[in-house]
Amino acid sequence: MNREGVLGLLEKSGLPGELKDYLAAALRGRAPSSLRARLKKSPAEFIAGAERLFSEAGAILGLPAEEALRAGGFDAANKAPGRLEAALAELRAVVFLRDSGYGELAFINRGTGRTADLYGVKKGEGAVFEVCCLKEGCTSFSVKLLALKFDRKICQVNASRKKTGCVRGGLFFVASPADFGVSGAPARLEVLAREVYEAKGRRPFTSICLISGGLCAAYPAL
């Protein structure tokens, strides 16, 4: 679909107004953009998936859709590449945690220093989770890459463990968060999550969670 056609779909959509403006600017931009490529390739799929995600995550968090998007770190004034994808990644993690049995889900206050992103409760036990949105595509998922990201991010999980008293926690690695096409938990992601967990010494009470497009898996299971 050409640019004008996509802009028309955006305008008619139920997406928050500030997000429509952000996406329209991305479409009109000249710099390479994975988000623009996704919009032009499957605009109706992207718009429907985004509407569904904001509505679902908002209901989980007890927030209107547009406020859920902002809670995930989206700022329409911040045009830095990947900022929207990072917010989508956090909302995808919220839905995954809900589907895994967690309740009382909330974002951890971002003004309290280096902390994890999310807090939730399952069977009366709290847990904290950090969400890492990968610039690399899902085909770049590898034990070596994820082990390196783990080393850079686990300190934020541990900092929140100390502050909250939570024992359990985990790291989300999300690739292609703007791809809403497929759902399920493929065996390849489950195997990879286990391999990363084992490569990092089987850290107790720490799950490796992978989201790639519409696919998700965690090891150990959440």
N, C-alpha and C. Protein backbone atom coordinates (compact mmCIF):
# COMPACT_ATOMS: atom_id res chain seq x y z
N MET A 1 0.84 -1.19 0.00
CA MET A 1 0.00 0.00 0.00
C MET A 1 0.88 1.25 0.00
N ASN A 2 0.48 2.28 -0.76
CA ASN A 2 1.28 3.49 -0.80
C ASN A 2 1.11 4.31 0.48
N ARG A 3 1.95 5.31 0.63
CA ARG A 3 1.99 6.08 1.87
C ARG A 3 0.66 6.75 2.18
N GLU A 4 0.02 7.33 1.17
CA GLU A 4 -1.24 8.02 1.41
C GLU A 4 -2.33 7.06 1.88
N GLY A 5 -2.31 5.85 1.33
CA GLY A 5 -3.27 4.85 1.76
C GLY A 5 -3.08 4.46 3.22
N VAL A 6 -1.82 4.30 3.63
CA VAL A 6 -1.52 3.96 5.03
C VAL A 6 -1.92 5.11 5.94
N LEU A 7 -1.63 6.34 5.54
CA LEU A 7 -2.01 7.51 6.34
C LEU A 7 -3.52 7.57 6.53
N GLY A 8 -4.26 7.20 5.49
CA GLY A 8 -5.72 7.18 5.61
C GLY A 8 -6.20 6.15 6.62
N LEU A 9 -5.59 4.96 6.61
CA LEU A 9 -5.95 3.93 7.58
C LEU A 9 -5.64 4.39 9.00
N LEU A 10 -4.49 5.03 9.17
CA LEU A 10 -4.12 5.53 10.49
C LEU A 10 -5.15 6.53 10.99
N GLU A 11 -5.55 7.44 10.14
CA GLU A 11 -6.48 8.49 10.55
C GLU A 11 -7.82 7.91 10.97
N LYS A 12 -8.26 6.85 10.31
CA LYS A 12 -9.55 6.23 10.62
C LYS A 12 -9.47 5.27 11.81
N SER A 13 -8.28 4.94 12.25
CA SER A 13 -8.10 3.94 13.30
C SER A 13 -8.49 4.48 14.67
N GLY A 14 -8.53 3.55 15.63
CA GLY A 14 -8.82 3.93 17.01
C GLY A 14 -7.57 4.14 17.84
N LEU A 15 -6.42 4.30 17.20
CA LEU A 15 -5.18 4.53 17.92
C LEU A 15 -5.19 5.91 18.58
N PRO A 16 -4.48 6.07 19.71
CA PRO A 16 -4.39 7.39 20.35
C PRO A 16 -3.88 8.44 19.36
N GLY A 17 -4.40 9.66 19.47
CA GLY A 17 -4.05 10.71 18.53
C GLY A 17 -2.56 10.99 18.46
N GLU A 18 -1.89 11.02 19.62
CA GLU A 18 -0.46 11.32 19.60
C GLU A 18 0.33 10.21 18.92
N LEU A 19 -0.18 8.98 18.99
CA LEU A 19 0.49 7.88 18.29
C LEU A 19 0.26 7.97 16.79
N LYS A 20 -0.95 8.37 16.39
CA LYS A 20 -1.20 8.57 14.96
C LYS A 20 -0.21 9.59 14.39
N ASP A 21 -0.01 10.68 15.12
CA ASP A 21 0.91 11.72 14.65
C ASP A 21 2.33 11.18 14.56
N TYR A 22 2.72 10.39 15.55
CA TYR A 22 4.07 9.81 15.59
C TYR A 22 4.29 8.88 14.40
N LEU A 23 3.30 8.03 14.14
CA LEU A 23 3.42 7.07 13.04
C LEU A 23 3.38 7.77 11.69
N ALA A 24 2.55 8.81 11.59
CA ALA A 24 2.50 9.57 10.33
C ALA A 24 3.85 10.21 10.06
N ALA A 25 4.50 10.74 11.09
CA ALA A 25 5.82 11.34 10.92
C ALA A 25 6.84 10.29 10.50
N ALA A 26 6.72 9.07 11.08
CA ALA A 26 7.63 7.98 10.70
C ALA A 26 7.45 7.62 9.23
N LEU A 27 6.20 7.59 8.77
CA LEU A 27 5.93 7.27 7.37
C LEU A 27 6.50 8.31 6.43
N ARG A 28 6.47 9.56 6.85
CA ARG A 28 6.95 10.64 5.98
C ARG A 28 8.46 10.82 6.05
N GLY A 29 9.10 10.18 7.03
CA GLY A 29 10.54 10.32 7.20
C GLY A 29 11.31 9.66 6.08
N ARG A 30 12.58 10.05 5.98
CA ARG A 30 13.43 9.51 4.92
C ARG A 30 14.47 8.53 5.44
N ALA A 31 14.80 8.63 6.74
CA ALA A 31 15.80 7.72 7.30
C ALA A 31 15.24 6.30 7.35
N PRO A 32 16.11 5.28 7.20
CA PRO A 32 15.65 3.90 7.29
C PRO A 32 14.93 3.65 8.61
N SER A 33 13.81 2.94 8.57
CA SER A 33 13.03 2.70 9.77
C SER A 33 12.33 1.36 9.67
N SER A 34 12.59 0.48 10.63
CA SER A 34 11.91 -0.81 10.65
C SER A 34 10.43 -0.64 10.91
N LEU A 35 10.09 0.40 11.69
CA LEU A 35 8.68 0.66 11.98
C LEU A 35 7.95 1.08 10.71
N ARG A 36 8.55 1.96 9.91
CA ARG A 36 7.92 2.38 8.66
C ARG A 36 7.77 1.20 7.72
N ALA A 37 8.79 0.35 7.69
CA ALA A 37 8.71 -0.83 6.82
C ALA A 37 7.57 -1.74 7.24
N ARG A 38 7.39 -1.92 8.55
CA ARG A 38 6.30 -2.75 9.06
C ARG A 38 4.95 -2.15 8.70
N LEU A 39 4.81 -0.84 8.87
CA LEU A 39 3.55 -0.17 8.56
C LEU A 39 3.19 -0.31 7.08
N LYS A 40 4.17 -0.13 6.21
CA LYS A 40 3.91 -0.18 4.78
C LYS A 40 3.63 -1.60 4.30
N LYS A 41 4.25 -2.57 4.95
CA LYS A 41 4.09 -3.96 4.53
C LYS A 41 2.72 -4.50 4.92
N SER A 42 2.31 -4.28 6.19
CA SER A 42 1.04 -4.84 6.68
C SER A 42 0.32 -3.81 7.54
N PRO A 43 -0.14 -2.70 6.95
CA PRO A 43 -0.72 -1.62 7.76
C PRO A 43 -1.95 -2.04 8.56
N ALA A 44 -2.87 -2.77 7.94
CA ALA A 44 -4.09 -3.16 8.64
C ALA A 44 -3.76 -4.09 9.81
N GLU A 45 -2.83 -5.02 9.57
CA GLU A 45 -2.43 -5.95 10.63
C GLU A 45 -1.77 -5.21 11.77
N PHE A 46 -0.88 -4.26 11.45
CA PHE A 46 -0.21 -3.50 12.50
C PHE A 46 -1.21 -2.69 13.31
N ILE A 47 -2.10 -1.98 12.64
CA ILE A 47 -3.06 -1.12 13.34
C ILE A 47 -3.98 -1.95 14.23
N ALA A 48 -4.50 -3.06 13.71
CA ALA A 48 -5.38 -3.92 14.50
C ALA A 48 -4.64 -4.51 15.69
N GLY A 49 -3.39 -4.94 15.47
CA GLY A 49 -2.61 -5.51 16.56
C GLY A 49 -2.30 -4.49 17.64
N ALA A 50 -1.96 -3.26 17.22
CA ALA A 50 -1.65 -2.21 18.18
C ALA A 50 -2.89 -1.83 18.99
N GLU A 51 -4.03 -1.69 18.33
CA GLU A 51 -5.27 -1.38 19.04
C GLU A 51 -5.58 -2.46 20.07
N ARG A 52 -5.42 -3.71 19.68
CA ARG A 52 -5.71 -4.82 20.58
C ARG A 52 -4.74 -4.82 21.77
N LEU A 53 -3.45 -4.58 21.50
CA LEU A 53 -2.46 -4.58 22.57
C LEU A 53 -2.71 -3.47 23.58
N PHE A 54 -2.98 -2.25 23.09
CA PHE A 54 -3.21 -1.14 24.02
C PHE A 54 -4.46 -1.37 24.86
N SER A 55 -5.49 -1.90 24.23
CA SER A 55 -6.72 -2.16 24.97
C SER A 55 -6.52 -3.25 26.02
N GLU A 56 -5.85 -4.33 25.62
CA GLU A 56 -5.63 -5.46 26.53
C GLU A 56 -4.70 -5.08 27.67
N ALA A 57 -3.57 -4.45 27.34
CA ALA A 57 -2.62 -4.05 28.38
C ALA A 57 -3.24 -3.00 29.29
N GLY A 58 -4.02 -2.09 28.71
CA GLY A 58 -4.67 -1.07 29.53
C GLY A 58 -5.62 -1.70 30.53
N ALA A 59 -6.38 -2.70 30.10
CA ALA A 59 -7.31 -3.38 31.01
C ALA A 59 -6.54 -4.09 32.13
N ILE A 60 -5.41 -4.69 31.80
CA ILE A 60 -4.60 -5.38 32.82
C ILE A 60 -4.06 -4.38 33.84
N LEU A 61 -3.59 -3.23 33.35
CA LEU A 61 -2.96 -2.22 34.22
C LEU A 61 -3.98 -1.29 34.86
N GLY A 62 -5.24 -1.38 34.44
CA GLY A 62 -6.26 -0.48 34.95
C GLY A 62 -6.11 0.93 34.44
N LEU A 63 -5.69 1.06 33.15
CA LEU A 63 -5.44 2.37 32.55
C LEU A 63 -6.14 2.47 31.19
N PRO A 64 -6.55 3.67 30.78
CA PRO A 64 -7.01 3.84 29.40
C PRO A 64 -5.88 3.48 28.45
N ALA A 65 -6.22 3.12 27.22
CA ALA A 65 -5.23 2.65 26.26
C ALA A 65 -4.07 3.62 26.09
N GLU A 66 -4.37 4.93 25.93
CA GLU A 66 -3.31 5.89 25.70
C GLU A 66 -2.40 6.06 26.92
N GLU A 67 -2.97 5.92 28.13
CA GLU A 67 -2.15 6.01 29.33
C GLU A 67 -1.29 4.76 29.50
N ALA A 68 -1.79 3.61 29.07
CA ALA A 68 -0.99 2.39 29.11
C ALA A 68 0.23 2.54 28.22
N LEU A 69 0.03 3.16 27.07
CA LEU A 69 1.15 3.39 26.14
C LEU A 69 2.19 4.30 26.78
N ARG A 70 1.76 5.38 27.43
CA ARG A 70 2.70 6.28 28.08
C ARG A 70 3.39 5.58 29.25
N ALA A 71 2.65 4.75 29.97
CA ALA A 71 3.24 4.02 31.10
C ALA A 71 4.36 3.11 30.63
N GLY A 72 4.27 2.64 29.38
CA GLY A 72 5.32 1.80 28.81
C GLY A 72 6.52 2.59 28.35
N GLY A 73 6.49 3.92 28.54
CA GLY A 73 7.65 4.75 28.22
C GLY A 73 7.53 5.52 26.92
N PHE A 74 6.37 5.47 26.27
CA PHE A 74 6.22 6.20 25.01
C PHE A 74 6.04 7.68 25.27
N ASP A 75 6.76 8.49 24.53
CA ASP A 75 6.65 9.95 24.60
C ASP A 75 6.62 10.44 23.15
N ALA A 76 5.50 11.01 22.75
CA ALA A 76 5.34 11.43 21.36
C ALA A 76 6.41 12.43 20.94
N ALA A 77 6.96 13.18 21.91
CA ALA A 77 7.98 14.18 21.59
C ALA A 77 9.36 13.56 21.40
N ASN A 78 9.51 12.32 21.82
CA ASN A 78 10.80 11.64 21.72
C ASN A 78 10.84 10.86 20.41
N LYS A 79 11.53 11.39 19.44
CA LYS A 79 11.59 10.76 18.11
C LYS A 79 12.79 9.82 17.95
N ALA A 80 13.43 9.47 19.07
CA ALA A 80 14.58 8.57 19.00
C ALA A 80 14.16 7.24 18.37
N PRO A 81 14.98 6.70 17.46
CA PRO A 81 14.66 5.42 16.83
C PRO A 81 14.46 4.32 17.89
N GLY A 82 13.39 3.56 17.73
CA GLY A 82 13.17 2.44 18.63
C GLY A 82 12.38 2.76 19.88
N ARG A 83 12.04 4.04 20.13
CA ARG A 83 11.35 4.38 21.37
C ARG A 83 9.96 3.77 21.43
N LEU A 84 9.22 3.82 20.32
CA LEU A 84 7.89 3.20 20.32
C LEU A 84 8.01 1.70 20.47
N GLU A 85 8.96 1.08 19.75
CA GLU A 85 9.13 -0.36 19.85
C GLU A 85 9.44 -0.78 21.29
N ALA A 86 10.22 0.03 22.01
CA ALA A 86 10.55 -0.28 23.40
C ALA A 86 9.28 -0.27 24.26
N ALA A 87 8.40 0.70 24.02
CA ALA A 87 7.14 0.75 24.76
C ALA A 87 6.25 -0.44 24.42
N LEU A 88 6.20 -0.79 23.14
CA LEU A 88 5.42 -1.97 22.74
C LEU A 88 5.96 -3.23 23.41
N ALA A 89 7.28 -3.34 23.50
CA ALA A 89 7.90 -4.51 24.13
C ALA A 89 7.45 -4.66 25.58
N GLU A 90 7.38 -3.54 26.30
CA GLU A 90 6.98 -3.60 27.70
C GLU A 90 5.51 -4.00 27.83
N LEU A 91 4.67 -3.50 26.94
CA LEU A 91 3.26 -3.88 26.98
C LEU A 91 3.07 -5.34 26.58
N ARG A 92 3.89 -5.82 25.64
CA ARG A 92 3.82 -7.24 25.28
C ARG A 92 4.19 -8.11 26.49
N ALA A 93 5.18 -7.65 27.28
CA ALA A 93 5.57 -8.39 28.48
C ALA A 93 4.44 -8.41 29.50
N VAL A 94 3.72 -7.29 29.63
CA VAL A 94 2.58 -7.23 30.55
C VAL A 94 1.55 -8.31 30.20
N VAL A 95 1.22 -8.42 28.92
CA VAL A 95 0.23 -9.41 28.49
C VAL A 95 0.74 -10.83 28.71
N PHE A 96 2.02 -11.07 28.40
CA PHE A 96 2.60 -12.39 28.61
C PHE A 96 2.56 -12.79 30.08
N LEU A 97 2.87 -11.85 30.97
CA LEU A 97 2.84 -12.14 32.39
C LEU A 97 1.42 -12.45 32.86
N ARG A 98 0.46 -11.67 32.36
CA ARG A 98 -0.94 -11.96 32.71
C ARG A 98 -1.33 -13.37 32.26
N ASP A 99 -0.95 -13.70 31.02
CA ASP A 99 -1.28 -15.02 30.49
C ASP A 99 -0.56 -16.14 31.25
N SER A 100 0.52 -15.78 31.94
CA SER A 100 1.28 -16.77 32.72
C SER A 100 0.82 -16.84 34.18
N GLY A 101 -0.27 -16.14 34.50
CA GLY A 101 -0.86 -16.25 35.83
C GLY A 101 -0.54 -15.14 36.80
N TYR A 102 0.13 -14.08 36.33
CA TYR A 102 0.48 -12.97 37.23
C TYR A 102 -0.65 -11.95 37.29
N GLY A 103 -0.82 -11.40 38.49
CA GLY A 103 -1.78 -10.33 38.71
C GLY A 103 -1.09 -9.16 39.39
N GLU A 104 -1.87 -8.11 39.69
CA GLU A 104 -1.34 -6.89 40.32
C GLU A 104 -0.17 -6.31 39.53
N LEU A 105 -0.23 -6.46 38.22
CA LEU A 105 0.88 -6.01 37.37
C LEU A 105 0.95 -4.49 37.31
N ALA A 106 2.15 -3.97 37.43
CA ALA A 106 2.36 -2.53 37.42
C ALA A 106 3.78 -2.22 37.00
N PHE A 107 3.97 -1.03 36.43
CA PHE A 107 5.31 -0.57 36.11
C PHE A 107 5.98 -0.04 37.38
N ILE A 108 7.24 -0.34 37.53
CA ILE A 108 8.02 0.16 38.66
C ILE A 108 8.39 1.61 38.37
N ASN A 109 8.32 2.46 39.37
CA ASN A 109 8.60 3.89 39.22
C ASN A 109 9.95 4.10 38.55
N ARG A 110 9.94 4.77 37.39
CA ARG A 110 11.17 4.96 36.62
C ARG A 110 12.08 6.02 37.23
N GLY A 111 11.59 6.76 38.23
CA GLY A 111 12.41 7.80 38.82
C GLY A 111 13.18 7.35 40.05
N THR A 112 13.27 6.05 40.25
CA THR A 112 13.93 5.53 41.46
C THR A 112 15.28 4.89 41.15
N GLY A 113 15.95 5.36 40.11
CA GLY A 113 17.27 4.82 39.78
C GLY A 113 17.16 3.61 38.87
N ARG A 114 18.24 2.84 38.79
CA ARG A 114 18.29 1.68 37.91
C ARG A 114 17.50 0.53 38.54
N THR A 115 16.33 0.28 37.97
CA THR A 115 15.45 -0.75 38.50
C THR A 115 14.93 -1.59 37.34
N ALA A 116 14.24 -2.67 37.70
CA ALA A 116 13.53 -3.45 36.70
C ALA A 116 12.31 -2.65 36.22
N ASP A 117 11.61 -3.18 35.23
CA ASP A 117 10.48 -2.45 34.64
C ASP A 117 9.13 -2.81 35.23
N LEU A 118 8.94 -4.09 35.57
CA LEU A 118 7.61 -4.57 35.92
C LEU A 118 7.59 -5.34 37.24
N TYR A 119 6.47 -5.20 37.92
CA TYR A 119 6.23 -5.95 39.16
C TYR A 119 4.92 -6.70 38.99
N GLY A 120 4.88 -7.94 39.49
CA GLY A 120 3.65 -8.71 39.46
C GLY A 120 3.62 -9.71 40.59
N VAL A 121 2.44 -10.30 40.81
CA VAL A 121 2.26 -11.25 41.90
C VAL A 121 1.62 -12.52 41.36
N LYS A 122 2.16 -13.67 41.75
CA LYS A 122 1.59 -14.95 41.38
C LYS A 122 1.57 -15.85 42.60
N LYS A 123 0.42 -16.37 42.93
CA LYS A 123 0.24 -17.24 44.09
C LYS A 123 0.78 -16.56 45.36
N GLY A 124 0.51 -15.27 45.49
CA GLY A 124 0.90 -14.53 46.68
C GLY A 124 2.35 -14.13 46.76
N GLU A 125 3.13 -14.41 45.71
CA GLU A 125 4.56 -14.12 45.73
C GLU A 125 4.89 -13.07 44.66
N GLY A 126 5.57 -11.99 45.06
CA GLY A 126 5.93 -10.94 44.13
C GLY A 126 7.13 -11.31 43.28
N ALA A 127 7.23 -10.68 42.12
CA ALA A 127 8.36 -10.90 41.23
C ALA A 127 8.60 -9.63 40.42
N VAL A 128 9.85 -9.44 39.98
CA VAL A 128 10.21 -8.25 39.21
C VAL A 128 10.84 -8.67 37.89
N PHE A 129 10.59 -7.88 36.84
CA PHE A 129 11.04 -8.24 35.50
C PHE A 129 11.60 -7.03 34.77
N GLU A 130 12.72 -7.23 34.09
CA GLU A 130 13.30 -6.22 33.22
C GLU A 130 12.98 -6.59 31.78
N VAL A 131 12.67 -5.58 30.97
CA VAL A 131 12.33 -5.81 29.56
C VAL A 131 13.38 -5.16 28.67
N CYS A 132 13.98 -5.96 27.81
CA CYS A 132 15.00 -5.49 26.89
C CYS A 132 14.49 -5.65 25.46
N CYS A 133 14.29 -4.52 24.78
CA CYS A 133 13.85 -4.55 23.38
C CYS A 133 15.09 -4.59 22.49
N LEU A 134 15.22 -5.64 21.71
CA LEU A 134 16.41 -5.82 20.90
C LEU A 134 16.31 -5.07 19.58
N LYS A 135 17.37 -4.38 19.22
CA LYS A 135 17.43 -3.75 17.90
C LYS A 135 17.57 -4.81 16.82
N GLU A 136 18.20 -5.93 17.19
CA GLU A 136 18.39 -7.02 16.25
C GLU A 136 17.05 -7.69 15.95
N GLY A 137 16.87 -8.19 14.76
CA GLY A 137 15.65 -8.91 14.43
C GLY A 137 15.62 -10.28 15.09
N CYS A 138 14.47 -10.94 15.01
CA CYS A 138 14.32 -12.22 15.68
C CYS A 138 15.28 -13.27 15.14
N THR A 139 15.72 -13.13 13.88
CA THR A 139 16.64 -14.11 13.32
C THR A 139 18.02 -14.01 13.97
N SER A 140 18.26 -12.92 14.71
CA SER A 140 19.56 -12.74 15.38
C SER A 140 19.55 -13.28 16.81
N PHE A 141 18.43 -13.82 17.26
CA PHE A 141 18.41 -14.45 18.58
C PHE A 141 19.48 -15.53 18.63
N SER A 142 20.35 -15.48 19.62
CA SER A 142 21.35 -16.52 19.80
C SER A 142 21.74 -16.54 21.27
N VAL A 143 22.30 -17.65 21.71
CA VAL A 143 22.73 -17.76 23.10
C VAL A 143 23.79 -16.70 23.40
N LYS A 144 24.73 -16.50 22.50
CA LYS A 144 25.81 -15.54 22.73
C LYS A 144 25.27 -14.12 22.90
N LEU A 145 24.37 -13.71 22.01
CA LEU A 145 23.80 -12.37 22.08
C LEU A 145 22.99 -12.20 23.37
N LEU A 146 22.12 -13.14 23.67
CA LEU A 146 21.25 -13.00 24.83
C LEU A 146 22.02 -13.10 26.14
N ALA A 147 23.08 -13.91 26.17
CA ALA A 147 23.91 -13.99 27.37
C ALA A 147 24.60 -12.66 27.64
N LEU A 148 25.03 -11.98 26.58
CA LEU A 148 25.65 -10.67 26.73
C LEU A 148 24.63 -9.65 27.24
N LYS A 149 23.43 -9.65 26.69
CA LYS A 149 22.37 -8.76 27.14
C LYS A 149 22.00 -9.06 28.59
N PHE A 150 22.00 -10.33 28.95
CA PHE A 150 21.70 -10.75 30.31
C PHE A 150 22.66 -10.08 31.30
N ASP A 151 23.94 -10.13 30.99
CA ASP A 151 24.96 -9.55 31.88
C ASP A 151 24.74 -8.06 32.08
N ARG A 152 24.24 -7.39 31.04
CA ARG A 152 24.04 -5.94 31.12
C ARG A 152 22.77 -5.56 31.88
N LYS A 153 21.80 -6.47 31.94
CA LYS A 153 20.49 -6.12 32.48
C LYS A 153 20.15 -6.75 33.83
N ILE A 154 20.83 -7.83 34.20
CA ILE A 154 20.45 -8.54 35.41
C ILE A 154 20.63 -7.67 36.66
N CYS A 155 21.54 -6.70 36.60
CA CYS A 155 21.75 -5.83 37.76
C CYS A 155 20.50 -5.04 38.10
N GLN A 156 19.70 -4.70 37.08
CA GLN A 156 18.48 -3.95 37.34
C GLN A 156 17.43 -4.83 38.02
N VAL A 157 17.37 -6.09 37.64
CA VAL A 157 16.48 -7.02 38.31
C VAL A 157 16.90 -7.20 39.77
N ASN A 158 18.20 -7.37 39.99
CA ASN A 158 18.69 -7.58 41.35
C ASN A 158 18.49 -6.35 42.22
N ALA A 159 18.63 -5.15 41.63
CA ALA A 159 18.40 -3.92 42.39
C ALA A 159 16.95 -3.85 42.87
N SER A 160 16.02 -4.22 41.99
CA SER A 160 14.61 -4.20 42.37
C SER A 160 14.28 -5.31 43.35
N ARG A 161 14.96 -6.43 43.25
CA ARG A 161 14.77 -7.49 44.25
C ARG A 161 15.09 -6.98 45.65
N LYS A 162 16.19 -6.25 45.76
CA LYS A 162 16.59 -5.72 47.06
C LYS A 162 15.58 -4.70 47.58
N LYS A 163 15.10 -3.84 46.68
CA LYS A 163 14.17 -2.79 47.10
C LYS A 163 12.80 -3.32 47.48
N THR A 164 12.35 -4.37 46.77
CA THR A 164 11.00 -4.88 46.98
C THR A 164 10.95 -6.10 47.90
N GLY A 165 12.09 -6.75 48.10
CA GLY A 165 12.11 -7.99 48.88
C GLY A 165 11.67 -9.20 48.07
N CYS A 166 11.48 -9.03 46.76
CA CYS A 166 11.08 -10.15 45.90
C CYS A 166 12.26 -11.10 45.69
N VAL A 167 11.96 -12.38 45.65
CA VAL A 167 12.98 -13.38 45.33
C VAL A 167 12.96 -13.70 43.84
N ARG A 168 11.77 -13.83 43.30
CA ARG A 168 11.63 -14.22 41.90
C ARG A 168 11.76 -13.02 40.97
N GLY A 169 12.18 -13.33 39.74
CA GLY A 169 12.31 -12.28 38.74
C GLY A 169 12.67 -12.88 37.40
N GLY A 170 12.93 -12.01 36.45
CA GLY A 170 13.30 -12.51 35.13
C GLY A 170 13.64 -11.40 34.18
N LEU A 171 14.13 -11.82 33.03
CA LEU A 171 14.50 -10.89 31.97
C LEU A 171 13.71 -11.22 30.71
N PHE A 172 13.06 -10.20 30.14
CA PHE A 172 12.39 -10.34 28.85
C PHE A 172 13.30 -9.82 27.76
N PHE A 173 13.48 -10.60 26.71
CA PHE A 173 14.17 -10.15 25.51
C PHE A 173 13.13 -10.17 24.38
N VAL A 174 12.89 -9.00 23.81
CA VAL A 174 11.81 -8.86 22.84
C VAL A 174 12.36 -8.38 21.50
N ALA A 175 12.11 -9.14 20.46
CA ALA A 175 12.47 -8.73 19.10
C ALA A 175 11.18 -8.57 18.30
N SER A 176 11.16 -7.62 17.40
CA SER A 176 10.01 -7.37 16.52
C SER A 176 8.70 -7.18 17.30
N PRO A 177 8.70 -6.28 18.31
CA PRO A 177 7.47 -6.10 19.09
C PRO A 177 6.32 -5.49 18.29
N ALA A 178 6.62 -4.88 17.14
CA ALA A 178 5.56 -4.30 16.31
C ALA A 178 5.01 -5.30 15.31
N ASP A 179 5.44 -6.56 15.39
CA ASP A 179 4.93 -7.62 14.52
C ASP A 179 3.87 -8.38 15.29
N PHE A 180 2.60 -8.22 14.88
CA PHE A 180 1.49 -8.82 15.62
C PHE A 180 0.92 -10.04 14.89
N GLY A 181 1.69 -10.60 13.97
CA GLY A 181 1.13 -11.59 13.06
C GLY A 181 0.85 -12.97 13.62
N VAL A 182 1.75 -13.53 14.43
CA VAL A 182 1.67 -14.94 14.81
C VAL A 182 1.55 -15.05 16.33
N SER A 183 0.86 -16.07 16.81
CA SER A 183 0.78 -16.31 18.25
C SER A 183 1.17 -17.74 18.55
N GLY A 184 1.56 -17.99 19.81
CA GLY A 184 1.96 -19.34 20.20
C GLY A 184 3.29 -19.32 20.92
N ALA A 185 3.84 -20.48 21.20
CA ALA A 185 5.13 -20.60 21.88
C ALA A 185 5.95 -21.67 21.17
N PRO A 186 6.71 -21.31 20.15
CA PRO A 186 7.42 -22.31 19.36
C PRO A 186 8.52 -23.01 20.14
N ALA A 187 8.75 -24.25 19.76
CA ALA A 187 9.76 -25.05 20.46
C ALA A 187 11.14 -24.41 20.38
N ARG A 188 11.46 -23.76 19.25
CA ARG A 188 12.79 -23.17 19.11
C ARG A 188 13.06 -22.12 20.17
N LEU A 189 12.08 -21.27 20.46
CA LEU A 189 12.27 -20.25 21.50
C LEU A 189 12.39 -20.88 22.88
N GLU A 190 11.63 -21.93 23.13
CA GLU A 190 11.71 -22.60 24.43
C GLU A 190 13.11 -23.20 24.63
N VAL A 191 13.63 -23.82 23.58
CA VAL A 191 14.97 -24.40 23.67
C VAL A 191 16.01 -23.31 23.89
N LEU A 192 15.89 -22.22 23.17
CA LEU A 192 16.84 -21.12 23.29
C LEU A 192 16.80 -20.51 24.69
N ALA A 193 15.61 -20.32 25.24
CA ALA A 193 15.48 -19.78 26.59
C ALA A 193 16.19 -20.69 27.59
N ARG A 194 16.02 -21.99 27.44
CA ARG A 194 16.69 -22.93 28.35
C ARG A 194 18.20 -22.87 28.19
N GLU A 195 18.68 -22.75 26.94
CA GLU A 195 20.12 -22.70 26.71
C GLU A 195 20.74 -21.45 27.33
N VAL A 196 20.05 -20.32 27.25
CA VAL A 196 20.56 -19.10 27.86
C VAL A 196 20.56 -19.25 29.38
N TYR A 197 19.50 -19.81 29.91
CA TYR A 197 19.41 -20.05 31.36
C TYR A 197 20.58 -20.91 31.83
N GLU A 198 20.87 -21.95 31.10
CA GLU A 198 21.97 -22.84 31.48
C GLU A 198 23.32 -22.17 31.30
N ALA A 199 23.47 -21.37 30.25
CA ALA A 199 24.73 -20.66 29.99
C ALA A 199 25.05 -19.66 31.09
N LYS A 200 24.03 -19.12 31.74
CA LYS A 200 24.23 -18.15 32.81
C LYS A 200 24.22 -18.80 34.19
N GLY A 201 24.45 -20.10 34.23
CA GLY A 201 24.66 -20.78 35.51
C GLY A 201 23.40 -21.16 36.26
N ARG A 202 22.28 -21.29 35.54
CA ARG A 202 21.03 -21.71 36.17
C ARG A 202 20.71 -20.85 37.39
N ARG A 203 20.68 -19.55 37.20
CA ARG A 203 20.41 -18.63 38.31
C ARG A 203 19.06 -18.98 38.95
N PRO A 204 19.04 -19.20 40.27
CA PRO A 204 17.78 -19.59 40.91
C PRO A 204 16.74 -18.48 40.84
N PHE A 205 15.50 -18.89 40.64
CA PHE A 205 14.35 -17.98 40.65
C PHE A 205 14.45 -16.89 39.57
N THR A 206 15.16 -17.17 38.49
CA THR A 206 15.32 -16.19 37.40
C THR A 206 14.95 -16.83 36.08
N SER A 207 13.90 -16.32 35.45
CA SER A 207 13.43 -16.88 34.18
C SER A 207 13.92 -16.05 33.00
N ILE A 208 14.22 -16.74 31.90
CA ILE A 208 14.55 -16.10 30.64
C ILE A 208 13.28 -16.13 29.79
N CYS A 209 12.80 -14.96 29.41
CA CYS A 209 11.55 -14.85 28.66
C CYS A 209 11.83 -14.26 27.29
N LEU A 210 11.37 -14.92 26.24
CA LEU A 210 11.63 -14.48 24.88
C LEU A 210 10.31 -14.19 24.16
N ILE A 211 10.27 -13.04 23.50
CA ILE A 211 9.15 -12.69 22.63
C ILE A 211 9.73 -12.32 21.28
N SER A 212 9.26 -12.98 20.24
CA SER A 212 9.74 -12.71 18.89
C SER A 212 8.53 -12.57 17.99
N GLY A 213 8.23 -11.32 17.60
CA GLY A 213 6.98 -11.11 16.88
C GLY A 213 5.82 -11.51 17.76
N GLY A 214 4.98 -12.39 17.27
CA GLY A 214 3.84 -12.85 18.06
C GLY A 214 4.10 -14.12 18.84
N LEU A 215 5.35 -14.60 18.88
CA LEU A 215 5.70 -15.85 19.54
C LEU A 215 6.35 -15.58 20.88
N CYS A 216 6.13 -16.47 21.84
CA CYS A 216 6.69 -16.25 23.17
C CYS A 216 7.02 -17.57 23.87
N ALA A 217 7.97 -17.50 24.79
CA ALA A 217 8.39 -18.67 25.56
C ALA A 217 9.16 -18.20 26.78
N ALA A 218 9.22 -19.03 27.81
CA ALA A 218 9.98 -18.70 29.00
C ALA A 218 10.57 -19.97 29.61
N TYR A 219 11.77 -19.84 30.17
CA TYR A 219 12.40 -20.96 30.86
C TYR A 219 13.24 -20.41 32.03
N PRO A 220 13.07 -20.98 33.24
CA PRO A 220 11.99 -21.89 33.64
C PRO A 220 10.62 -21.22 33.47
N ALA A 221 9.60 -22.01 33.35
CA ALA A 221 8.27 -21.48 33.12
C ALA A 221 7.88 -20.50 34.21
N LEU A 222 7.20 -19.45 33.84
CA LEU A 222 6.79 -18.43 34.80
C LEU A 222 5.69 -18.94 35.72
